[in-house]
């Protein structure tokens, strides 16, 4: 059953660090089966805190999504995301 990783960018603190994150994180996608379902497109917050951007990634399974997230290449890239912005990241199993 599919699983989804949902990133919600709440606040950008350093745009240069976010650019480094985007550049470095591209390499990990070649090694993992992922489909981009939403990428910072038009959105409207209906409840809760505001969001600057939303990203939804689909993986074939919960374990495949975890494998992608904990891949050392992605973990290295994500250090720039942690410095550059405030995000929420949620892994959810689909139906």
PDB file of N, CA and C in Angstrom:
ATOM      1  N   UNK A   1       0.847  -1.171   0.000  1.00  0.00           N
ATOM      2  CA  UNK A   1       0.000   0.000   0.000  1.00  0.00           C
ATOM      3  C   UNK A   1       0.894   1.236   0.000  1.00  0.00           C
ATOM      4  N   UNK A   2       0.492   2.279  -0.720  1.00  0.00           N
ATOM      5  CA  UNK A   2       1.352   3.462  -0.837  1.00  0.00           C
ATOM      6  C   UNK A   2       1.487   4.210   0.481  1.00  0.00           C
ATOM      7  N   UNK A   3       2.515   5.022   0.527  1.00  0.00           N
ATOM      8  CA  UNK A   3       2.746   5.898   1.681  1.00  0.00           C
ATOM      9  C   UNK A   3       3.151   7.263   1.136  1.00  0.00           C
ATOM     10  N   UNK A   4       2.906   8.267   1.942  1.00  0.00           N
ATOM     11  CA  UNK A   4       3.149   9.646   1.525  1.00  0.00           C
ATOM     12  C   UNK A   4       4.005  10.369   2.553  1.00  0.00           C
ATOM     13  N   UNK A   5       4.954  11.133   2.054  1.00  0.00           N
ATOM     14  CA  UNK A   5       5.727  12.045   2.897  1.00  0.00           C
ATOM     15  C   UNK A   5       5.233  13.438   2.552  1.00  0.00           C
ATOM     16  N   UNK A   6       4.787  14.149   3.569  1.00  0.00           N
ATOM     17  CA  UNK A   6       4.234  15.487   3.390  1.00  0.00           C
ATOM     18  C   UNK A   6       5.138  16.478   4.098  1.00  0.00           C
ATOM     19  N   UNK A   7       5.661  17.408   3.343  1.00  0.00           N
ATOM     20  CA  UNK A   7       6.477  18.481   3.899  1.00  0.00           C
ATOM     21  C   UNK A   7       5.644  19.755   3.896  1.00  0.00           C
ATOM     22  N   UNK A   8       5.617  20.437   5.031  1.00  0.00           N
ATOM     23  CA  UNK A   8       4.943  21.720   5.135  1.00  0.00           C
ATOM     24  C   UNK A   8       5.977  22.743   5.588  1.00  0.00           C
ATOM     25  N   UNK A   9       6.312  23.663   4.693  1.00  0.00           N
ATOM     26  CA  UNK A   9       7.273  24.715   5.041  1.00  0.00           C
ATOM     27  C   UNK A   9       6.511  25.840   5.723  1.00  0.00           C
ATOM     28  N   UNK A  10       6.868  26.070   6.976  1.00  0.00           N
ATOM     29  CA  UNK A  10       6.184  27.091   7.757  1.00  0.00           C
ATOM     30  C   UNK A  10       6.866  28.449   7.663  1.00  0.00           C
ATOM     31  N   UNK A  11       8.200  28.450   7.605  1.00  0.00           N
ATOM     32  CA  UNK A  11       8.922  29.713   7.598  1.00  0.00           C
ATOM     33  C   UNK A  11      10.317  29.517   7.019  1.00  0.00           C
ATOM     34  N   UNK A  12      10.696  30.387   6.094  1.00  0.00           N
ATOM     35  CA  UNK A  12      12.051  30.383   5.544  1.00  0.00           C
ATOM     36  C   UNK A  12      12.916  31.317   6.383  1.00  0.00           C
ATOM     37  N   UNK A  13      14.067  30.797   6.805  1.00  0.00           N
ATOM     38  CA  UNK A  13      15.002  31.608   7.581  1.00  0.00           C
ATOM     39  C   UNK A  13      16.262  31.963   6.799  1.00  0.00           C
ATOM     40  N   UNK A  14      16.639  31.114   5.852  1.00  0.00           N
ATOM     41  CA  UNK A  14      17.852  31.343   5.066  1.00  0.00           C
ATOM     42  C   UNK A  14      17.656  30.705   3.688  1.00  0.00           C
ATOM     43  N   UNK A  15      17.316  31.522   2.706  1.00  0.00           N
ATOM     44  CA  UNK A  15      17.016  31.023   1.358  1.00  0.00           C
ATOM     45  C   UNK A  15      18.223  30.338   0.715  1.00  0.00           C
ATOM     46  N   UNK A  16      19.428  30.796   1.012  1.00  0.00           N
ATOM     47  CA  UNK A  16      20.624  30.164   0.448  1.00  0.00           C
ATOM     48  C   UNK A  16      20.771  28.732   0.947  1.00  0.00           C
ATOM     49  N   UNK A  17      20.487  28.497   2.221  1.00  0.00           N
ATOM     50  CA  UNK A  17      20.560  27.140   2.767  1.00  0.00           C
ATOM     51  C   UNK A  17      19.494  26.242   2.125  1.00  0.00           C
ATOM     52  N   UNK A  18      18.327  26.793   1.866  1.00  0.00           N
ATOM     53  CA  UNK A  18      17.277  26.009   1.198  1.00  0.00           C
ATOM     54  C   UNK A  18      17.693  25.636  -0.220  1.00  0.00           C
ATOM     55  N   UNK A  19      18.377  26.527  -0.910  1.00  0.00           N
ATOM     56  CA  UNK A  19      18.860  26.209  -2.252  1.00  0.00           C
ATOM     57  C   UNK A  19      19.889  25.085  -2.202  1.00  0.00           C
ATOM     58  N   UNK A  20      20.788  25.109  -1.215  1.00  0.00           N
ATOM     59  CA  UNK A  20      21.748  24.011  -1.049  1.00  0.00           C
ATOM     60  C   UNK A  20      21.024  22.697  -0.787  1.00  0.00           C
ATOM     61  N   UNK A  21      20.003  22.757   0.038  1.00  0.00           N
ATOM     62  CA  UNK A  21      19.199  21.563   0.326  1.00  0.00           C
ATOM     63  C   UNK A  21      18.587  21.015  -0.964  1.00  0.00           C
ATOM     64  N   UNK A  22      17.985  21.867  -1.757  1.00  0.00           N
ATOM     65  CA  UNK A  22      17.343  21.423  -3.001  1.00  0.00           C
ATOM     66  C   UNK A  22      18.366  20.789  -3.941  1.00  0.00           C
ATOM     67  N   UNK A  23      19.523  21.403  -4.059  1.00  0.00           N
ATOM     68  CA  UNK A  23      20.574  20.861  -4.928  1.00  0.00           C
ATOM     69  C   UNK A  23      21.064  19.504  -4.438  1.00  0.00           C
ATOM     70  N   UNK A  24      21.374  19.410  -3.148  1.00  0.00           N
ATOM     71  CA  UNK A  24      21.944  18.180  -2.609  1.00  0.00           C
ATOM     72  C   UNK A  24      20.924  17.047  -2.517  1.00  0.00           C
ATOM     73  N   UNK A  25      19.665  17.378  -2.318  1.00  0.00           N
ATOM     74  CA  UNK A  25      18.660  16.326  -2.136  1.00  0.00           C
ATOM     75  C   UNK A  25      18.280  15.650  -3.455  1.00  0.00           C
ATOM     76  N   UNK A  26      18.557  16.269  -4.591  1.00  0.00           N
ATOM     77  CA  UNK A  26      18.181  15.682  -5.880  1.00  0.00           C
ATOM     78  C   UNK A  26      18.818  14.317  -6.110  1.00  0.00           C
ATOM     79  N   UNK A  27      20.042  14.138  -5.636  1.00  0.00           N
ATOM     80  CA  UNK A  27      20.777  12.896  -5.882  1.00  0.00           C
ATOM     81  C   UNK A  27      20.078  11.674  -5.289  1.00  0.00           C
ATOM     82  N   UNK A  28      19.395  11.828  -4.182  1.00  0.00           N
ATOM     83  CA  UNK A  28      18.790  10.678  -3.512  1.00  0.00           C
ATOM     84  C   UNK A  28      17.565  10.151  -4.259  1.00  0.00           C
ATOM     85  N   UNK A  29      16.915  10.974  -5.056  1.00  0.00           N
ATOM     86  CA  UNK A  29      15.714  10.526  -5.759  1.00  0.00           C
ATOM     87  C   UNK A  29      16.008   9.454  -6.803  1.00  0.00           C
ATOM     88  N   UNK A  30      17.211   9.416  -7.329  1.00  0.00           N
ATOM     89  CA  UNK A  30      17.574   8.403  -8.328  1.00  0.00           C
ATOM     90  C   UNK A  30      17.583   6.998  -7.737  1.00  0.00           C
ATOM     91  N   UNK A  31      17.754   6.892  -6.431  1.00  0.00           N
ATOM     92  CA  UNK A  31      17.886   5.592  -5.776  1.00  0.00           C
ATOM     93  C   UNK A  31      16.613   5.107  -5.098  1.00  0.00           C
ATOM     94  N   UNK A  32      15.531   5.854  -5.205  1.00  0.00           N
ATOM     95  CA  UNK A  32      14.299   5.500  -4.497  1.00  0.00           C
ATOM     96  C   UNK A  32      13.090   5.729  -5.399  1.00  0.00           C
ATOM     97  N   UNK A  33      12.115   4.808  -5.354  1.00  0.00           N
ATOM     98  CA  UNK A  33      10.910   4.966  -6.174  1.00  0.00           C
ATOM     99  C   UNK A  33       9.975   6.008  -5.563  1.00  0.00           C
ATOM    100  N   UNK A  34       9.885   7.159  -6.168  1.00  0.00           N
ATOM    101  CA  UNK A  34       9.079   8.252  -5.621  1.00  0.00           C
ATOM    102  C   UNK A  34       8.331   8.946  -6.757  1.00  0.00           C
ATOM    103  N   UNK A  35       7.126   9.382  -6.457  1.00  0.00           N
ATOM    104  CA  UNK A  35       6.326  10.179  -7.377  1.00  0.00           C
ATOM    105  C   UNK A  35       5.972  11.479  -6.679  1.00  0.00           C
ATOM    106  N   UNK A  36       6.263  12.588  -7.324  1.00  0.00           N
ATOM    107  CA  UNK A  36       5.900  13.894  -6.773  1.00  0.00           C
ATOM    108  C   UNK A  36       4.413  14.114  -7.040  1.00  0.00           C
ATOM    109  N   UNK A  37       3.624  14.252  -5.976  1.00  0.00           N
ATOM    110  CA  UNK A  37       2.182  14.484  -6.116  1.00  0.00           C
ATOM    111  C   UNK A  37       1.817  15.966  -5.988  1.00  0.00           C
ATOM    112  N   UNK A  38       2.604  16.708  -5.252  1.00  0.00           N
ATOM    113  CA  UNK A  38       2.414  18.160  -5.127  1.00  0.00           C
ATOM    114  C   UNK A  38       3.770  18.768  -4.840  1.00  0.00           C
ATOM    115  N   UNK A  39       4.045  19.917  -5.462  1.00  0.00           N
ATOM    116  CA  UNK A  39       5.342  20.566  -5.271  1.00  0.00           C
ATOM    117  C   UNK A  39       5.144  22.078  -5.208  1.00  0.00           C
ATOM    118  N   UNK A  40       4.864  22.562  -4.023  1.00  0.00           N
ATOM    119  CA  UNK A  40       4.750  23.995  -3.754  1.00  0.00           C
ATOM    120  C   UNK A  40       3.796  24.712  -4.706  1.00  0.00           C
ATOM    121  N   UNK A  41       2.738  24.033  -5.086  1.00  0.00           N
ATOM    122  CA  UNK A  41       1.734  24.638  -5.953  1.00  0.00           C
ATOM    123  C   UNK A  41       0.762  25.507  -5.151  1.00  0.00           C
ATOM    124  N   UNK A  42      -0.231  25.939  -5.832  1.00  0.00           N
ATOM    125  CA  UNK A  42      -1.276  26.743  -5.209  1.00  0.00           C
ATOM    126  C   UNK A  42      -1.885  25.957  -4.052  1.00  0.00           C
ATOM    127  N   UNK A  43      -2.015  26.621  -2.926  1.00  0.00           N
ATOM    128  CA  UNK A  43      -2.607  25.971  -1.763  1.00  0.00           C
ATOM    129  C   UNK A  43      -3.357  26.997  -0.919  1.00  0.00           C
ATOM    130  N   UNK A  44      -4.215  26.489  -0.089  1.00  0.00           N
ATOM    131  CA  UNK A  44      -4.980  27.327   0.831  1.00  0.00           C
ATOM    132  C   UNK A  44      -5.044  26.609   2.170  1.00  0.00           C
ATOM    133  N   UNK A  45      -4.601  27.257   3.214  1.00  0.00           N
ATOM    134  CA  UNK A  45      -4.672  26.683   4.550  1.00  0.00           C
ATOM    135  C   UNK A  45      -6.099  26.881   5.059  1.00  0.00           C
ATOM    136  N   UNK A  46      -6.785  25.787   5.276  1.00  0.00           N
ATOM    137  CA  UNK A  46      -8.168  25.854   5.754  1.00  0.00           C
ATOM    138  C   UNK A  46      -8.249  25.826   7.271  1.00  0.00           C
ATOM    139  N   UNK A  47      -7.267  25.195   7.901  1.00  0.00           N
ATOM    140  CA  UNK A  47      -7.202  25.150   9.366  1.00  0.00           C
ATOM    141  C   UNK A  47      -5.737  25.114   9.781  1.00  0.00           C
ATOM    142  N   UNK A  48      -5.445  25.675  10.929  1.00  0.00           N
ATOM    143  CA  UNK A  48      -4.101  25.592  11.471  1.00  0.00           C
ATOM    144  C   UNK A  48      -3.186  26.707  10.995  1.00  0.00           C
ATOM    145  N   UNK A  49      -1.903  26.493  11.294  1.00  0.00           N
ATOM    146  CA  UNK A  49      -0.876  27.497  11.010  1.00  0.00           C
ATOM    147  C   UNK A  49      -0.689  27.687   9.507  1.00  0.00           C
ATOM    148  N   UNK A  50      -0.236  28.857   9.135  1.00  0.00           N
ATOM    149  CA  UNK A  50       0.022  29.170   7.738  1.00  0.00           C
ATOM    150  C   UNK A  50       1.141  28.279   7.200  1.00  0.00           C
ATOM    151  N   UNK A  51       1.166  28.106   5.887  1.00  0.00           N
ATOM    152  CA  UNK A  51       2.205  27.328   5.229  1.00  0.00           C
ATOM    153  C   UNK A  51       2.731  28.122   4.042  1.00  0.00           C
ATOM    154  N   UNK A  52       4.059  28.241   3.942  1.00  0.00           N
ATOM    155  CA  UNK A  52       4.670  28.886   2.776  1.00  0.00           C
ATOM    156  C   UNK A  52       4.652  27.944   1.573  1.00  0.00           C
ATOM    157  N   UNK A  53       4.770  26.661   1.836  1.00  0.00           N
ATOM    158  CA  UNK A  53       4.805  25.698   0.741  1.00  0.00           C
ATOM    159  C   UNK A  53       4.469  24.302   1.229  1.00  0.00           C
ATOM    160  N   UNK A  54       4.015  23.464   0.304  1.00  0.00           N
ATOM    161  CA  UNK A  54       3.637  22.090   0.625  1.00  0.00           C
ATOM    162  C   UNK A  54       4.184  21.177  -0.465  1.00  0.00           C
ATOM    163  N   UNK A  55       4.766  20.065  -0.039  1.00  0.00           N
ATOM    164  CA  UNK A  55       5.308  19.061  -0.939  1.00  0.00           C
ATOM    165  C   UNK A  55       4.749  17.713  -0.521  1.00  0.00           C
ATOM    166  N   UNK A  56       4.224  16.947  -1.478  1.00  0.00           N
ATOM    167  CA  UNK A  56       3.695  15.611  -1.198  1.00  0.00           C
ATOM    168  C   UNK A  56       4.417  14.623  -2.101  1.00  0.00           C
ATOM    169  N   UNK A  57       5.080  13.652  -1.482  1.00  0.00           N
ATOM    170  CA  UNK A  57       5.799  12.605  -2.203  1.00  0.00           C
ATOM    171  C   UNK A  57       5.093  11.280  -1.974  1.00  0.00           C
ATOM    172  N   UNK A  58       4.930  10.489  -3.021  1.00  0.00           N
ATOM    173  CA  UNK A  58       4.317   9.169  -2.896  1.00  0.00           C
ATOM    174  C   UNK A  58       5.375   8.092  -3.078  1.00  0.00           C
ATOM    175  N   UNK A  59       5.351   7.103  -2.198  1.00  0.00           N
ATOM    176  CA  UNK A  59       6.247   5.953  -2.252  1.00  0.00           C
ATOM    177  C   UNK A  59       5.402   4.688  -2.315  1.00  0.00           C
ATOM    178  N   UNK A  60       5.955   3.588  -2.809  1.00  0.00           N
ATOM    179  CA  UNK A  60       5.161   2.362  -2.917  1.00  0.00           C
ATOM    180  C   UNK A  60       4.774   1.742  -1.578  1.00  0.00           C
ATOM    181  N   UNK A  61       5.502   2.093  -0.514  1.00  0.00           N
ATOM    182  CA  UNK A  61       5.197   1.528   0.799  1.00  0.00           C
ATOM    183  C   UNK A  61       5.746   2.437   1.906  1.00  0.00           C
ATOM    184  N   UNK A  62       5.284   2.185   3.105  1.00  0.00           N
ATOM    185  CA  UNK A  62       5.760   2.909   4.281  1.00  0.00           C
ATOM    186  C   UNK A  62       7.264   2.699   4.442  1.00  0.00           C
ATOM    187  N   UNK A  63       7.698   1.444   4.293  1.00  0.00           N
ATOM    188  CA  UNK A  63       9.125   1.139   4.453  1.00  0.00           C
ATOM    189  C   UNK A  63       9.974   1.810   3.377  1.00  0.00           C
ATOM    190  N   UNK A  64       9.446   1.907   2.157  1.00  0.00           N
ATOM    191  CA  UNK A  64      10.199   2.583   1.083  1.00  0.00           C
ATOM    192  C   UNK A  64      10.365   4.069   1.398  1.00  0.00           C
ATOM    193  N   UNK A  65       9.326   4.671   1.967  1.00  0.00           N
ATOM    194  CA  UNK A  65       9.409   6.091   2.337  1.00  0.00           C
ATOM    195  C   UNK A  65      10.418   6.295   3.463  1.00  0.00           C
ATOM    196  N   UNK A  66      10.393   5.416   4.448  1.00  0.00           N
ATOM    197  CA  UNK A  66      11.366   5.507   5.553  1.00  0.00           C
ATOM    198  C   UNK A  66      12.794   5.324   5.032  1.00  0.00           C
ATOM    199  N   UNK A  67      12.953   4.391   4.114  1.00  0.00           N
ATOM    200  CA  UNK A  67      14.283   4.139   3.534  1.00  0.00           C
ATOM    201  C   UNK A  67      14.807   5.387   2.835  1.00  0.00           C
ATOM    202  N   UNK A  68      13.922   6.075   2.095  1.00  0.00           N
ATOM    203  CA  UNK A  68      14.319   7.323   1.443  1.00  0.00           C
ATOM    204  C   UNK A  68      14.701   8.379   2.479  1.00  0.00           C
ATOM    205  N   UNK A  69      13.860   8.583   3.471  1.00  0.00           N
ATOM    206  CA  UNK A  69      14.109   9.640   4.453  1.00  0.00           C
ATOM    207  C   UNK A  69      15.416   9.400   5.207  1.00  0.00           C
ATOM    208  N   UNK A  70      15.684   8.157   5.590  1.00  0.00           N
ATOM    209  CA  UNK A  70      16.878   7.861   6.381  1.00  0.00           C
ATOM    210  C   UNK A  70      18.109   7.546   5.531  1.00  0.00           C
ATOM    211  N   UNK A  71      18.004   7.655   4.222  1.00  0.00           N
ATOM    212  CA  UNK A  71      19.158   7.477   3.354  1.00  0.00           C
ATOM    213  C   UNK A  71      20.215   8.508   3.755  1.00  0.00           C
ATOM    214  N   UNK A  72      21.471   8.085   3.929  1.00  0.00           N
ATOM    215  CA  UNK A  72      22.520   9.028   4.344  1.00  0.00           C
ATOM    216  C   UNK A  72      22.662  10.233   3.413  1.00  0.00           C
ATOM    217  N   UNK A  73      22.417  10.055   2.132  1.00  0.00           N
ATOM    218  CA  UNK A  73      22.503  11.180   1.193  1.00  0.00           C
ATOM    219  C   UNK A  73      21.424  12.214   1.525  1.00  0.00           C
ATOM    220  N   UNK A  74      20.209  11.740   1.800  1.00  0.00           N
ATOM    221  CA  UNK A  74      19.141  12.680   2.147  1.00  0.00           C
ATOM    222  C   UNK A  74      19.389  13.310   3.513  1.00  0.00           C
ATOM    223  N   UNK A  75      19.842  12.532   4.458  1.00  0.00           N
ATOM    224  CA  UNK A  75      20.103  13.079   5.789  1.00  0.00           C
ATOM    225  C   UNK A  75      21.158  14.181   5.730  1.00  0.00           C
ATOM    226  N   UNK A  76      22.169  13.997   4.895  1.00  0.00           N
ATOM    227  CA  UNK A  76      23.185  15.041   4.721  1.00  0.00           C
ATOM    228  C   UNK A  76      22.559  16.301   4.131  1.00  0.00           C
ATOM    229  N   UNK A  77      21.750  16.142   3.090  1.00  0.00           N
ATOM    230  CA  UNK A  77      21.101  17.297   2.458  1.00  0.00           C
ATOM    231  C   UNK A  77      20.161  18.005   3.429  1.00  0.00           C
ATOM    232  N   UNK A  78      19.459  17.242   4.246  1.00  0.00           N
ATOM    233  CA  UNK A  78      18.444  17.830   5.131  1.00  0.00           C
ATOM    234  C   UNK A  78      19.043  18.744   6.198  1.00  0.00           C
ATOM    235  N   UNK A  79      20.337  18.617   6.479  1.00  0.00           N
ATOM    236  CA  UNK A  79      20.950  19.533   7.449  1.00  0.00           C
ATOM    237  C   UNK A  79      20.798  20.978   6.983  1.00  0.00           C
ATOM    238  N   UNK A  80      20.811  21.193   5.674  1.00  0.00           N
ATOM    239  CA  UNK A  80      20.633  22.547   5.132  1.00  0.00           C
ATOM    240  C   UNK A  80      19.177  23.006   5.275  1.00  0.00           C
ATOM    241  N   UNK A  81      18.249  22.060   5.157  1.00  0.00           N
ATOM    242  CA  UNK A  81      16.836  22.404   5.350  1.00  0.00           C
ATOM    243  C   UNK A  81      16.587  22.819   6.790  1.00  0.00           C
ATOM    244  N   UNK A  82      17.208  22.134   7.726  1.00  0.00           N
ATOM    245  CA  UNK A  82      17.018  22.457   9.146  1.00  0.00           C
ATOM    246  C   UNK A  82      17.526  23.862   9.467  1.00  0.00           C
ATOM    247  N   UNK A  83      18.608  24.271   8.823  1.00  0.00           N
ATOM    248  CA  UNK A  83      19.163  25.606   9.041  1.00  0.00           C
ATOM    249  C   UNK A  83      18.350  26.666   8.293  1.00  0.00           C
ATOM    250  N   UNK A  84      17.869  26.310   7.119  1.00  0.00           N
ATOM    251  CA  UNK A  84      17.233  27.285   6.247  1.00  0.00           C
ATOM    252  C   UNK A  84      15.772  27.556   6.494  1.00  0.00           C
ATOM    253  N   UNK A  85      15.099  26.676   7.254  1.00  0.00           N
ATOM    254  CA  UNK A  85      13.654  26.856   7.363  1.00  0.00           C
ATOM    255  C   UNK A  85      13.065  26.039   8.502  1.00  0.00           C
ATOM    256  N   UNK A  86      11.802  26.324   8.780  1.00  0.00           N
ATOM    257  CA  UNK A  86      11.019  25.532   9.722  1.00  0.00           C
ATOM    258  C   UNK A  86      10.026  24.715   8.909  1.00  0.00           C
ATOM    259  N   UNK A  87      10.085  23.412   9.051  1.00  0.00           N
ATOM    260  CA  UNK A  87       9.219  22.494   8.331  1.00  0.00           C
ATOM    261  C   UNK A  87       8.515  21.565   9.311  1.00  0.00           C
ATOM    262  N   UNK A  88       7.396  21.051   8.860  1.00  0.00           N
ATOM    263  CA  UNK A  88       6.807  19.846   9.442  1.00  0.00           C
ATOM    264  C   UNK A  88       6.943  18.776   8.373  1.00  0.00           C
ATOM    265  N   UNK A  89       7.293  17.591   8.774  1.00  0.00           N
ATOM    266  CA  UNK A  89       7.432  16.469   7.855  1.00  0.00           C
ATOM    267  C   UNK A  89       6.661  15.296   8.437  1.00  0.00           C
ATOM    268  N   UNK A  90       5.725  14.767   7.656  1.00  0.00           N
ATOM    269  CA  UNK A  90       4.833  13.721   8.141  1.00  0.00           C
ATOM    270  C   UNK A  90       4.889  12.557   7.163  1.00  0.00           C
ATOM    271  N   UNK A  91       5.014  11.354   7.689  1.00  0.00           N
ATOM    272  CA  UNK A  91       4.941  10.133   6.899  1.00  0.00           C
ATOM    273  C   UNK A  91       3.613   9.472   7.237  1.00  0.00           C
ATOM    274  N   UNK A  92       2.794   9.200   6.209  1.00  0.00           N
ATOM    275  CA  UNK A  92       1.478   8.610   6.445  1.00  0.00           C
ATOM    276  C   UNK A  92       1.252   7.490   5.432  1.00  0.00           C
ATOM    277  N   UNK A  93       0.719   6.389   5.930  1.00  0.00           N
ATOM    278  CA  UNK A  93       0.394   5.274   5.067  1.00  0.00           C
ATOM    279  C   UNK A  93      -0.936   5.520   4.379  1.00  0.00           C
ATOM    280  N   UNK A  94      -1.008   5.226   3.093  1.00  0.00           N
ATOM    281  CA  UNK A  94      -2.236   5.412   2.328  1.00  0.00           C
ATOM    282  C   UNK A  94      -3.179   4.236   2.483  1.00  0.00           C
ATOM    283  N   UNK A  95      -4.248   4.282   1.715  1.00  0.00           N
ATOM    284  CA  UNK A  95      -5.237   3.202   1.773  1.00  0.00           C
ATOM    285  C   UNK A  95      -5.251   2.441   0.470  1.00  0.00           C
TER     286      UNK A  95
END
